[in-house]
């Protein structure tokens, strides 16, 4: 599960040498230019080490706005569970169109 996203000044190789396996199970290196494809390919696909909702949201937050919305459209095109935007009002979800 991805619980947070952080930008650090370490290289991927340096991170692999200093992370504590007691606290971090695994580090996966994904180039920033490949991040949107990684999110689409790994969201809600459990047999493929799928991202849960929190992990998907954390990674999506690293994308520029246009790419953010385009990536969500790609996820929604391939999945039964849709990512929707809206607000809760009086206990009801009011969907906003993207």
PDB file of N, CA and C in Angstrom:
ATOM      1  N   UNK A   1       0.845  -1.179   0.000  1.00  0.00           N
ATOM      2  CA  UNK A   1       0.000   0.000   0.000  1.00  0.00           C
ATOM      3  C   UNK A   1       0.880   1.229   0.000  1.00  0.00           C
ATOM      4  N   UNK A   2       0.570   2.153  -0.845  1.00  0.00           N
ATOM      5  CA  UNK A   2       1.272   3.435  -0.856  1.00  0.00           C
ATOM      6  C   UNK A   2       0.517   4.343   0.090  1.00  0.00           C
ATOM      7  N   UNK A   3       1.204   4.860   1.095  1.00  0.00           N
ATOM      8  CA  UNK A   3       0.510   5.716   2.052  1.00  0.00           C
ATOM      9  C   UNK A   3       0.888   7.178   1.893  1.00  0.00           C
ATOM     10  N   UNK A   4       1.928   7.453   1.153  1.00  0.00           N
ATOM     11  CA  UNK A   4       2.299   8.841   0.929  1.00  0.00           C
ATOM     12  C   UNK A   4       3.202   8.930  -0.291  1.00  0.00           C
ATOM     13  N   UNK A   5       3.398  10.136  -0.763  1.00  0.00           N
ATOM     14  CA  UNK A   5       4.257  10.388  -1.900  1.00  0.00           C
ATOM     15  C   UNK A   5       5.192  11.505  -1.505  1.00  0.00           C
ATOM     16  N   UNK A   6       6.471  11.332  -1.757  1.00  0.00           N
ATOM     17  CA  UNK A   6       7.443  12.356  -1.383  1.00  0.00           C
ATOM     18  C   UNK A   6       8.482  12.504  -2.472  1.00  0.00           C
ATOM     19  N   UNK A   7       8.946  13.717  -2.649  1.00  0.00           N
ATOM     20  CA  UNK A   7      10.026  13.965  -3.592  1.00  0.00           C
ATOM     21  C   UNK A   7      11.309  14.081  -2.779  1.00  0.00           C
ATOM     22  N   UNK A   8      12.313  13.301  -3.153  1.00  0.00           N
ATOM     23  CA  UNK A   8      13.584  13.298  -2.426  1.00  0.00           C
ATOM     24  C   UNK A   8      14.724  13.536  -3.405  1.00  0.00           C
ATOM     25  N   UNK A   9      15.859  13.930  -2.856  1.00  0.00           N
ATOM     26  CA  UNK A   9      17.002  14.234  -3.719  1.00  0.00           C
ATOM     27  C   UNK A   9      17.942  13.048  -3.890  1.00  0.00           C
ATOM     28  N   UNK A  10      17.509  11.861  -3.480  1.00  0.00           N
ATOM     29  CA  UNK A  10      18.323  10.662  -3.643  1.00  0.00           C
ATOM     30  C   UNK A  10      18.045  10.014  -4.996  1.00  0.00           C
ATOM     31  N   UNK A  11      19.040   9.356  -5.528  1.00  0.00           N
ATOM     32  CA  UNK A  11      18.812   8.559  -6.735  1.00  0.00           C
ATOM     33  C   UNK A  11      18.109   7.270  -6.319  1.00  0.00           C
ATOM     34  N   UNK A  12      17.555   6.582  -7.290  1.00  0.00           N
ATOM     35  CA  UNK A  12      16.883   5.305  -7.014  1.00  0.00           C
ATOM     36  C   UNK A  12      17.858   4.324  -6.364  1.00  0.00           C
ATOM     37  N   UNK A  13      19.083   4.248  -6.882  1.00  0.00           N
ATOM     38  CA  UNK A  13      20.083   3.334  -6.313  1.00  0.00           C
ATOM     39  C   UNK A  13      20.424   3.689  -4.873  1.00  0.00           C
ATOM     40  N   UNK A  14      20.519   4.993  -4.575  1.00  0.00           N
ATOM     41  CA  UNK A  14      20.802   5.415  -3.195  1.00  0.00           C
ATOM     42  C   UNK A  14      19.652   5.029  -2.265  1.00  0.00           C
ATOM     43  N   UNK A  15      18.423   5.205  -2.727  1.00  0.00           N
ATOM     44  CA  UNK A  15      17.266   4.822  -1.910  1.00  0.00           C
ATOM     45  C   UNK A  15      17.277   3.336  -1.579  1.00  0.00           C
ATOM     46  N   UNK A  16      17.607   2.531  -2.567  1.00  0.00           N
ATOM     47  CA  UNK A  16      17.641   1.090  -2.332  1.00  0.00           C
ATOM     48  C   UNK A  16      18.663   0.726  -1.265  1.00  0.00           C
ATOM     49  N   UNK A  17      19.721   1.505  -1.145  1.00  0.00           N
ATOM     50  CA  UNK A  17      20.767   1.199  -0.164  1.00  0.00           C
ATOM     51  C   UNK A  17      20.418   1.669   1.242  1.00  0.00           C
ATOM     52  N   UNK A  18      19.572   2.703   1.371  1.00  0.00           N
ATOM     53  CA  UNK A  18      19.330   3.266   2.704  1.00  0.00           C
ATOM     54  C   UNK A  18      17.954   2.949   3.297  1.00  0.00           C
ATOM     55  N   UNK A  19      17.014   2.419   2.508  1.00  0.00           N
ATOM     56  CA  UNK A  19      15.686   2.193   3.082  1.00  0.00           C
ATOM     57  C   UNK A  19      15.713   1.032   4.066  1.00  0.00           C
ATOM     58  N   UNK A  20      14.850   1.118   5.051  1.00  0.00           N
ATOM     59  CA  UNK A  20      14.775   0.118   6.118  1.00  0.00           C
ATOM     60  C   UNK A  20      13.710  -0.920   5.747  1.00  0.00           C
ATOM     61  N   UNK A  21      14.112  -2.155   5.431  1.00  0.00           N
ATOM     62  CA  UNK A  21      13.131  -3.170   5.036  1.00  0.00           C
ATOM     63  C   UNK A  21      12.134  -3.522   6.141  1.00  0.00           C
ATOM     64  N   UNK A  22      12.414  -3.118   7.381  1.00  0.00           N
ATOM     65  CA  UNK A  22      11.453  -3.320   8.469  1.00  0.00           C
ATOM     66  C   UNK A  22      10.279  -2.343   8.342  1.00  0.00           C
ATOM     67  N   UNK A  23      10.537  -1.189   7.703  1.00  0.00           N
ATOM     68  CA  UNK A  23       9.494  -0.170   7.577  1.00  0.00           C
ATOM     69  C   UNK A  23       8.934  -0.073   6.159  1.00  0.00           C
ATOM     70  N   UNK A  24       9.742  -0.427   5.184  1.00  0.00           N
ATOM     71  CA  UNK A  24       9.325  -0.331   3.786  1.00  0.00           C
ATOM     72  C   UNK A  24       9.471  -1.712   3.162  1.00  0.00           C
ATOM     73  N   UNK A  25       8.365  -2.261   2.708  1.00  0.00           N
ATOM     74  CA  UNK A  25       8.388  -3.604   2.140  1.00  0.00           C
ATOM     75  C   UNK A  25       9.092  -3.626   0.788  1.00  0.00           C
ATOM     76  N   UNK A  26       8.828  -2.608  -0.032  1.00  0.00           N
ATOM     77  CA  UNK A  26       9.359  -2.629  -1.389  1.00  0.00           C
ATOM     78  C   UNK A  26       9.397  -1.215  -1.956  1.00  0.00           C
ATOM     79  N   UNK A  27      10.381  -0.962  -2.779  1.00  0.00           N
ATOM     80  CA  UNK A  27      10.459   0.289  -3.525  1.00  0.00           C
ATOM     81  C   UNK A  27      10.455  -0.081  -5.000  1.00  0.00           C
ATOM     82  N   UNK A  28       9.562   0.553  -5.739  1.00  0.00           N
ATOM     83  CA  UNK A  28       9.480   0.311  -7.181  1.00  0.00           C
ATOM     84  C   UNK A  28       9.880   1.598  -7.883  1.00  0.00           C
ATOM     85  N   UNK A  29      10.859   1.519  -8.746  1.00  0.00           N
ATOM     86  CA  UNK A  29      11.302   2.697  -9.488  1.00  0.00           C
ATOM     87  C   UNK A  29      10.466   2.901 -10.733  1.00  0.00           C
ATOM     88  N   UNK A  30       9.847   4.071 -10.847  1.00  0.00           N
ATOM     89  CA  UNK A  30       9.049   4.419 -12.021  1.00  0.00           C
ATOM     90  C   UNK A  30       9.495   5.798 -12.476  1.00  0.00           C
ATOM     91  N   UNK A  31       9.917   5.894 -13.727  1.00  0.00           N
ATOM     92  CA  UNK A  31      10.320   7.181 -14.264  1.00  0.00           C
ATOM     93  C   UNK A  31       9.101   8.104 -14.328  1.00  0.00           C
ATOM     94  N   UNK A  32       9.324   9.380 -14.051  1.00  0.00           N
ATOM     95  CA  UNK A  32       8.231  10.347 -14.032  1.00  0.00           C
ATOM     96  C   UNK A  32       7.449  10.353 -15.349  1.00  0.00           C
ATOM     97  N   UNK A  33       8.142  10.148 -16.461  1.00  0.00           N
ATOM     98  CA  UNK A  33       7.466  10.144 -17.762  1.00  0.00           C
ATOM     99  C   UNK A  33       6.580   8.911 -17.950  1.00  0.00           C
ATOM    100  N   UNK A  34       6.796   7.881 -17.151  1.00  0.00           N
ATOM    101  CA  UNK A  34       6.016   6.643 -17.246  1.00  0.00           C
ATOM    102  C   UNK A  34       4.962   6.519 -16.146  1.00  0.00           C
ATOM    103  N   UNK A  35       4.856   7.536 -15.284  1.00  0.00           N
ATOM    104  CA  UNK A  35       3.995   7.424 -14.108  1.00  0.00           C
ATOM    105  C   UNK A  35       2.526   7.222 -14.467  1.00  0.00           C
ATOM    106  N   UNK A  36       1.998   7.973 -15.420  1.00  0.00           N
ATOM    107  CA  UNK A  36       0.579   7.832 -15.785  1.00  0.00           C
ATOM    108  C   UNK A  36       0.286   6.411 -16.272  1.00  0.00           C
ATOM    109  N   UNK A  37       1.152   5.874 -17.136  1.00  0.00           N
ATOM    110  CA  UNK A  37       0.958   4.507 -17.624  1.00  0.00           C
ATOM    111  C   UNK A  37       1.037   3.500 -16.476  1.00  0.00           C
ATOM    112  N   UNK A  38       1.962   3.712 -15.545  1.00  0.00           N
ATOM    113  CA  UNK A  38       2.100   2.829 -14.392  1.00  0.00           C
ATOM    114  C   UNK A  38       0.811   2.825 -13.568  1.00  0.00           C
ATOM    115  N   UNK A  39       0.249   4.008 -13.333  1.00  0.00           N
ATOM    116  CA  UNK A  39      -0.987   4.107 -12.545  1.00  0.00           C
ATOM    117  C   UNK A  39      -2.112   3.352 -13.240  1.00  0.00           C
ATOM    118  N   UNK A  40      -2.291   3.582 -14.533  1.00  0.00           N
ATOM    119  CA  UNK A  40      -3.363   2.918 -15.279  1.00  0.00           C
ATOM    120  C   UNK A  40      -3.165   1.406 -15.266  1.00  0.00           C
ATOM    121  N   UNK A  41      -1.936   0.961 -15.482  1.00  0.00           N
ATOM    122  CA  UNK A  41      -1.662  -0.476 -15.555  1.00  0.00           C
ATOM    123  C   UNK A  41      -1.796  -1.195 -14.215  1.00  0.00           C
ATOM    124  N   UNK A  42      -1.661  -0.465 -13.097  1.00  0.00           N
ATOM    125  CA  UNK A  42      -1.633  -1.119 -11.791  1.00  0.00           C
ATOM    126  C   UNK A  42      -2.802  -0.765 -10.874  1.00  0.00           C
ATOM    127  N   UNK A  43      -3.759  -0.017 -11.349  1.00  0.00           N
ATOM    128  CA  UNK A  43      -4.890   0.350 -10.505  1.00  0.00           C
ATOM    129  C   UNK A  43      -5.952  -0.741 -10.541  1.00  0.00           C
ATOM    130  N   UNK A  44      -6.326  -1.212  -9.349  1.00  0.00           N
ATOM    131  CA  UNK A  44      -7.351  -2.239  -9.123  1.00  0.00           C
ATOM    132  C   UNK A  44      -7.152  -3.486  -9.974  1.00  0.00           C
ATOM    133  N   UNK A  45      -5.916  -3.928 -10.061  1.00  0.00           N
ATOM    134  CA  UNK A  45      -5.608  -5.200 -10.719  1.00  0.00           C
ATOM    135  C   UNK A  45      -4.841  -6.045  -9.704  1.00  0.00           C
ATOM    136  N   UNK A  46      -5.547  -6.650  -8.725  1.00  0.00           N
ATOM    137  CA  UNK A  46      -4.871  -7.336  -7.623  1.00  0.00           C
ATOM    138  C   UNK A  46      -3.865  -8.396  -8.050  1.00  0.00           C
ATOM    139  N   UNK A  47      -4.166  -9.139  -9.087  1.00  0.00           N
ATOM    140  CA  UNK A  47      -3.222 -10.181  -9.481  1.00  0.00           C
ATOM    141  C   UNK A  47      -1.922  -9.591 -10.028  1.00  0.00           C
ATOM    142  N   UNK A  48      -1.898  -8.295 -10.266  1.00  0.00           N
ATOM    143  CA  UNK A  48      -0.710  -7.628 -10.796  1.00  0.00           C
ATOM    144  C   UNK A  48      -0.191  -6.603  -9.789  1.00  0.00           C
ATOM    145  N   UNK A  49      -0.225  -6.960  -8.489  1.00  0.00           N
ATOM    146  CA  UNK A  49       0.193  -6.039  -7.427  1.00  0.00           C
ATOM    147  C   UNK A  49      -0.503  -4.696  -7.588  1.00  0.00           C
ATOM    148  N   UNK A  50      -1.812  -4.744  -7.701  1.00  0.00           N
ATOM    149  CA  UNK A  50      -2.590  -3.552  -7.979  1.00  0.00           C
ATOM    150  C   UNK A  50      -2.533  -2.518  -6.875  1.00  0.00           C
ATOM    151  N   UNK A  51      -2.706  -1.283  -7.281  1.00  0.00           N
ATOM    152  CA  UNK A  51      -2.785  -0.173  -6.340  1.00  0.00           C
ATOM    153  C   UNK A  51      -4.193  -0.124  -5.763  1.00  0.00           C
ATOM    154  N   UNK A  52      -4.299   0.126  -4.471  1.00  0.00           N
ATOM    155  CA  UNK A  52      -5.616   0.357  -3.898  1.00  0.00           C
ATOM    156  C   UNK A  52      -5.986   1.826  -4.141  1.00  0.00           C
ATOM    157  N   UNK A  53      -7.139   2.232  -3.696  1.00  0.00           N
ATOM    158  CA  UNK A  53      -7.601   3.606  -3.925  1.00  0.00           C
ATOM    159  C   UNK A  53      -6.657   4.659  -3.389  1.00  0.00           C
ATOM    160  N   UNK A  54      -6.125   4.451  -2.180  1.00  0.00           N
ATOM    161  CA  UNK A  54      -5.202   5.427  -1.590  1.00  0.00           C
ATOM    162  C   UNK A  54      -3.911   5.527  -2.397  1.00  0.00           C
ATOM    163  N   UNK A  55      -3.398   4.386  -2.825  1.00  0.00           N
ATOM    164  CA  UNK A  55      -2.172   4.388  -3.621  1.00  0.00           C
ATOM    165  C   UNK A  55      -2.375   5.076  -4.953  1.00  0.00           C
ATOM    166  N   UNK A  56      -3.491   4.790  -5.587  1.00  0.00           N
ATOM    167  CA  UNK A  56      -3.817   5.431  -6.857  1.00  0.00           C
ATOM    168  C   UNK A  56      -3.917   6.942  -6.674  1.00  0.00           C
ATOM    169  N   UNK A  57      -4.627   7.381  -5.647  1.00  0.00           N
ATOM    170  CA  UNK A  57      -4.803   8.816  -5.398  1.00  0.00           C
ATOM    171  C   UNK A  57      -3.470   9.500  -5.097  1.00  0.00           C
ATOM    172  N   UNK A  58      -2.616   8.831  -4.320  1.00  0.00           N
ATOM    173  CA  UNK A  58      -1.309   9.415  -3.998  1.00  0.00           C
ATOM    174  C   UNK A  58      -0.477   9.638  -5.247  1.00  0.00           C
ATOM    175  N   UNK A  59      -0.454   8.628  -6.111  1.00  0.00           N
ATOM    176  CA  UNK A  59       0.338   8.765  -7.336  1.00  0.00           C
ATOM    177  C   UNK A  59      -0.296   9.749  -8.310  1.00  0.00           C
ATOM    178  N   UNK A  60      -1.615   9.745  -8.417  1.00  0.00           N
ATOM    179  CA  UNK A  60      -2.285  10.700  -9.297  1.00  0.00           C
ATOM    180  C   UNK A  60      -1.958  12.142  -8.904  1.00  0.00           C
ATOM    181  N   UNK A  61      -1.798  12.384  -7.604  1.00  0.00           N
ATOM    182  CA  UNK A  61      -1.529  13.756  -7.133  1.00  0.00           C
ATOM    183  C   UNK A  61      -0.182  14.287  -7.612  1.00  0.00           C
ATOM    184  N   UNK A  62       0.689  13.414  -8.087  1.00  0.00           N
ATOM    185  CA  UNK A  62       1.998  13.846  -8.585  1.00  0.00           C
ATOM    186  C   UNK A  62       1.943  14.281 -10.052  1.00  0.00           C
ATOM    187  N   UNK A  63       0.806  14.063 -10.702  1.00  0.00           N
ATOM    188  CA  UNK A  63       0.690  14.398 -12.124  1.00  0.00           C
ATOM    189  C   UNK A  63       0.231  15.840 -12.306  1.00  0.00           C
ATOM    190  N   UNK A  64       0.647  16.475 -13.408  1.00  0.00           N
ATOM    191  CA  UNK A  64       0.119  17.798 -13.737  1.00  0.00           C
ATOM    192  C   UNK A  64      -1.390  17.697 -14.002  1.00  0.00           C
ATOM    193  N   UNK A  65      -2.154  18.788 -13.801  1.00  0.00           N
ATOM    194  CA  UNK A  65      -3.616  18.712 -13.901  1.00  0.00           C
ATOM    195  C   UNK A  65      -4.154  18.057 -15.176  1.00  0.00           C
ATOM    196  N   UNK A  66      -3.679  18.432 -16.343  1.00  0.00           N
ATOM    197  CA  UNK A  66      -4.202  17.842 -17.578  1.00  0.00           C
ATOM    198  C   UNK A  66      -3.958  16.337 -17.623  1.00  0.00           C
ATOM    199  N   UNK A  67      -2.759  15.939 -17.229  1.00  0.00           N
ATOM    200  CA  UNK A  67      -2.422  14.510 -17.233  1.00  0.00           C
ATOM    201  C   UNK A  67      -3.207  13.767 -16.153  1.00  0.00           C
ATOM    202  N   UNK A  68      -3.447  14.424 -15.024  1.00  0.00           N
ATOM    203  CA  UNK A  68      -4.261  13.877 -13.930  1.00  0.00           C
ATOM    204  C   UNK A  68      -5.632  13.462 -14.455  1.00  0.00           C
ATOM    205  N   UNK A  69      -6.338  14.390 -15.102  1.00  0.00           N
ATOM    206  CA  UNK A  69      -7.684  14.094 -15.594  1.00  0.00           C
ATOM    207  C   UNK A  69      -7.668  13.078 -16.733  1.00  0.00           C
ATOM    208  N   UNK A  70      -6.702  13.171 -17.615  1.00  0.00           N
ATOM    209  CA  UNK A  70      -6.595  12.214 -18.715  1.00  0.00           C
ATOM    210  C   UNK A  70      -6.334  10.797 -18.179  1.00  0.00           C
ATOM    211  N   UNK A  71      -5.502  10.681 -17.165  1.00  0.00           N
ATOM    212  CA  UNK A  71      -5.200   9.374 -16.568  1.00  0.00           C
ATOM    213  C   UNK A  71      -6.432   8.783 -15.908  1.00  0.00           C
ATOM    214  N   UNK A  72      -7.214   9.616 -15.235  1.00  0.00           N
ATOM    215  CA  UNK A  72      -8.460   9.137 -14.626  1.00  0.00           C
ATOM    216  C   UNK A  72      -9.421   8.649 -15.707  1.00  0.00           C
ATOM    217  N   UNK A  73      -9.506   9.361 -16.815  1.00  0.00           N
ATOM    218  CA  UNK A  73     -10.357   8.911 -17.922  1.00  0.00           C
ATOM    219  C   UNK A  73      -9.899   7.548 -18.435  1.00  0.00           C
ATOM    220  N   UNK A  74      -8.584   7.334 -18.504  1.00  0.00           N
ATOM    221  CA  UNK A  74      -8.044   6.048 -18.956  1.00  0.00           C
ATOM    222  C   UNK A  74      -8.378   4.929 -17.967  1.00  0.00           C
ATOM    223  N   UNK A  75      -8.270   5.213 -16.664  1.00  0.00           N
ATOM    224  CA  UNK A  75      -8.619   4.219 -15.643  1.00  0.00           C
ATOM    225  C   UNK A  75     -10.101   3.874 -15.753  1.00  0.00           C
ATOM    226  N   UNK A  76     -10.932   4.884 -15.875  1.00  0.00           N
ATOM    227  CA  UNK A  76     -12.376   4.661 -15.957  1.00  0.00           C
ATOM    228  C   UNK A  76     -12.763   3.887 -17.207  1.00  0.00           C
ATOM    229  N   UNK A  77     -12.012   4.037 -18.273  1.00  0.00           N
ATOM    230  CA  UNK A  77     -12.315   3.328 -19.514  1.00  0.00           C
ATOM    231  C   UNK A  77     -12.041   1.837 -19.403  1.00  0.00           C
ATOM    232  N   UNK A  78     -11.149   1.440 -18.494  1.00  0.00           N
ATOM    233  CA  UNK A  78     -10.786   0.026 -18.403  1.00  0.00           C
ATOM    234  C   UNK A  78     -11.344  -0.691 -17.187  1.00  0.00           C
ATOM    235  N   UNK A  79     -11.892   0.014 -16.237  1.00  0.00           N
ATOM    236  CA  UNK A  79     -12.316  -0.599 -14.981  1.00  0.00           C
ATOM    237  C   UNK A  79     -13.818  -0.500 -14.762  1.00  0.00           C
ATOM    238  N   UNK A  80     -14.366  -1.452 -14.047  1.00  0.00           N
ATOM    239  CA  UNK A  80     -15.779  -1.392 -13.659  1.00  0.00           C
ATOM    240  C   UNK A  80     -15.987  -0.348 -12.574  1.00  0.00           C
ATOM    241  N   UNK A  81     -15.030  -0.241 -11.644  1.00  0.00           N
ATOM    242  CA  UNK A  81     -15.119   0.763 -10.590  1.00  0.00           C
ATOM    243  C   UNK A  81     -14.616   2.082 -11.139  1.00  0.00           C
ATOM    244  N   UNK A  82     -15.437   3.080 -11.079  1.00  0.00           N
ATOM    245  CA  UNK A  82     -15.091   4.372 -11.664  1.00  0.00           C
ATOM    246  C   UNK A  82     -14.602   5.337 -10.586  1.00  0.00           C
ATOM    247  N   UNK A  83     -13.709   6.214 -10.983  1.00  0.00           N
ATOM    248  CA  UNK A  83     -13.299   7.324 -10.131  1.00  0.00           C
ATOM    249  C   UNK A  83     -14.243   8.469 -10.472  1.00  0.00           C
ATOM    250  N   UNK A  84     -14.934   8.954  -9.456  1.00  0.00           N
ATOM    251  CA  UNK A  84     -15.904  10.020  -9.670  1.00  0.00           C
ATOM    252  C   UNK A  84     -15.556  11.219  -8.796  1.00  0.00           C
ATOM    253  N   UNK A  85     -15.922  12.392  -9.250  1.00  0.00           N
ATOM    254  CA  UNK A  85     -15.716  13.616  -8.491  1.00  0.00           C
ATOM    255  C   UNK A  85     -17.066  14.134  -8.031  1.00  0.00           C
ATOM    256  N   UNK A  86     -17.082  14.735  -6.862  1.00  0.00           N
ATOM    257  CA  UNK A  86     -18.321  15.290  -6.361  1.00  0.00           C
ATOM    258  C   UNK A  86     -18.177  15.711  -4.919  1.00  0.00           C
ATOM    259  N   UNK A  87     -19.322  15.840  -4.270  1.00  0.00           N
ATOM    260  CA  UNK A  87     -19.323  16.248  -2.870  1.00  0.00           C
ATOM    261  C   UNK A  87     -20.448  15.540  -2.141  1.00  0.00           C
ATOM    262  N   UNK A  88     -20.262  15.395  -0.840  1.00  0.00           N
ATOM    263  CA  UNK A  88     -21.321  14.849   0.001  1.00  0.00           C
ATOM    264  C   UNK A  88     -22.151  16.008   0.520  1.00  0.00           C
ATOM    265  N   UNK A  89     -23.445  15.929   0.301  1.00  0.00           N
ATOM    266  CA  UNK A  89     -24.341  16.977   0.778  1.00  0.00           C
ATOM    267  C   UNK A  89     -25.534  16.291   1.429  1.00  0.00           C
ATOM    268  N   UNK A  90     -25.713  16.546   2.706  1.00  0.00           N
ATOM    269  CA  UNK A  90     -26.805  15.918   3.468  1.00  0.00           C
ATOM    270  C   UNK A  90     -26.785  14.394   3.336  1.00  0.00           C
ATOM    271  N   UNK A  91     -25.582  13.827   3.361  1.00  0.00           N
ATOM    272  CA  UNK A  91     -25.424  12.378   3.313  1.00  0.00           C
ATOM    273  C   UNK A  91     -25.571  11.758   1.937  1.00  0.00           C
ATOM    274  N   UNK A  92     -25.693  12.574   0.893  1.00  0.00           N
ATOM    275  CA  UNK A  92     -25.809  12.051  -0.464  1.00  0.00           C
ATOM    276  C   UNK A  92     -24.631  12.543  -1.303  1.00  0.00           C
ATOM    277  N   UNK A  93     -24.143  11.660  -2.157  1.00  0.00           N
ATOM    278  CA  UNK A  93     -23.037  12.009  -3.051  1.00  0.00           C
ATOM    279  C   UNK A  93     -23.605  12.662  -4.299  1.00  0.00           C
ATOM    280  N   UNK A  94     -23.177  13.904  -4.552  1.00  0.00           N
ATOM    281  CA  UNK A  94     -23.590  14.627  -5.743  1.00  0.00           C
ATOM    282  C   UNK A  94     -22.407  14.661  -6.710  1.00  0.00           C
ATOM    283  N   UNK A  95     -22.542  13.923  -7.802  1.00  0.00           N
ATOM    284  CA  UNK A  95     -21.437  13.784  -8.739  1.00  0.00           C
ATOM    285  C   UNK A  95     -21.283  15.037  -9.584  1.00  0.00           C
ATOM    286  N   UNK A  96     -20.010  15.425  -9.803  1.00  0.00           N
ATOM    287  CA  UNK A  96     -19.671  16.501 -10.718  1.00  0.00           C
ATOM    288  C   UNK A  96     -19.049  15.870 -11.944  1.00  0.00           C
ATOM    289  N   UNK A  97     -19.392  16.354 -13.086  1.00  0.00           N
ATOM    290  CA  UNK A  97     -18.788  15.849 -14.321  1.00  0.00           C
ATOM    291  C   UNK A  97     -17.402  16.448 -14.480  1.00  0.00           C
ATOM    292  N   UNK A  98     -16.489  15.628 -15.022  1.00  0.00           N
ATOM    293  CA  UNK A  98     -15.115  16.099 -15.239  1.00  0.00           C
ATOM    294  C   UNK A  98     -15.058  17.036 -16.419  1.00  0.00           C
TER     295      UNK A  98
END
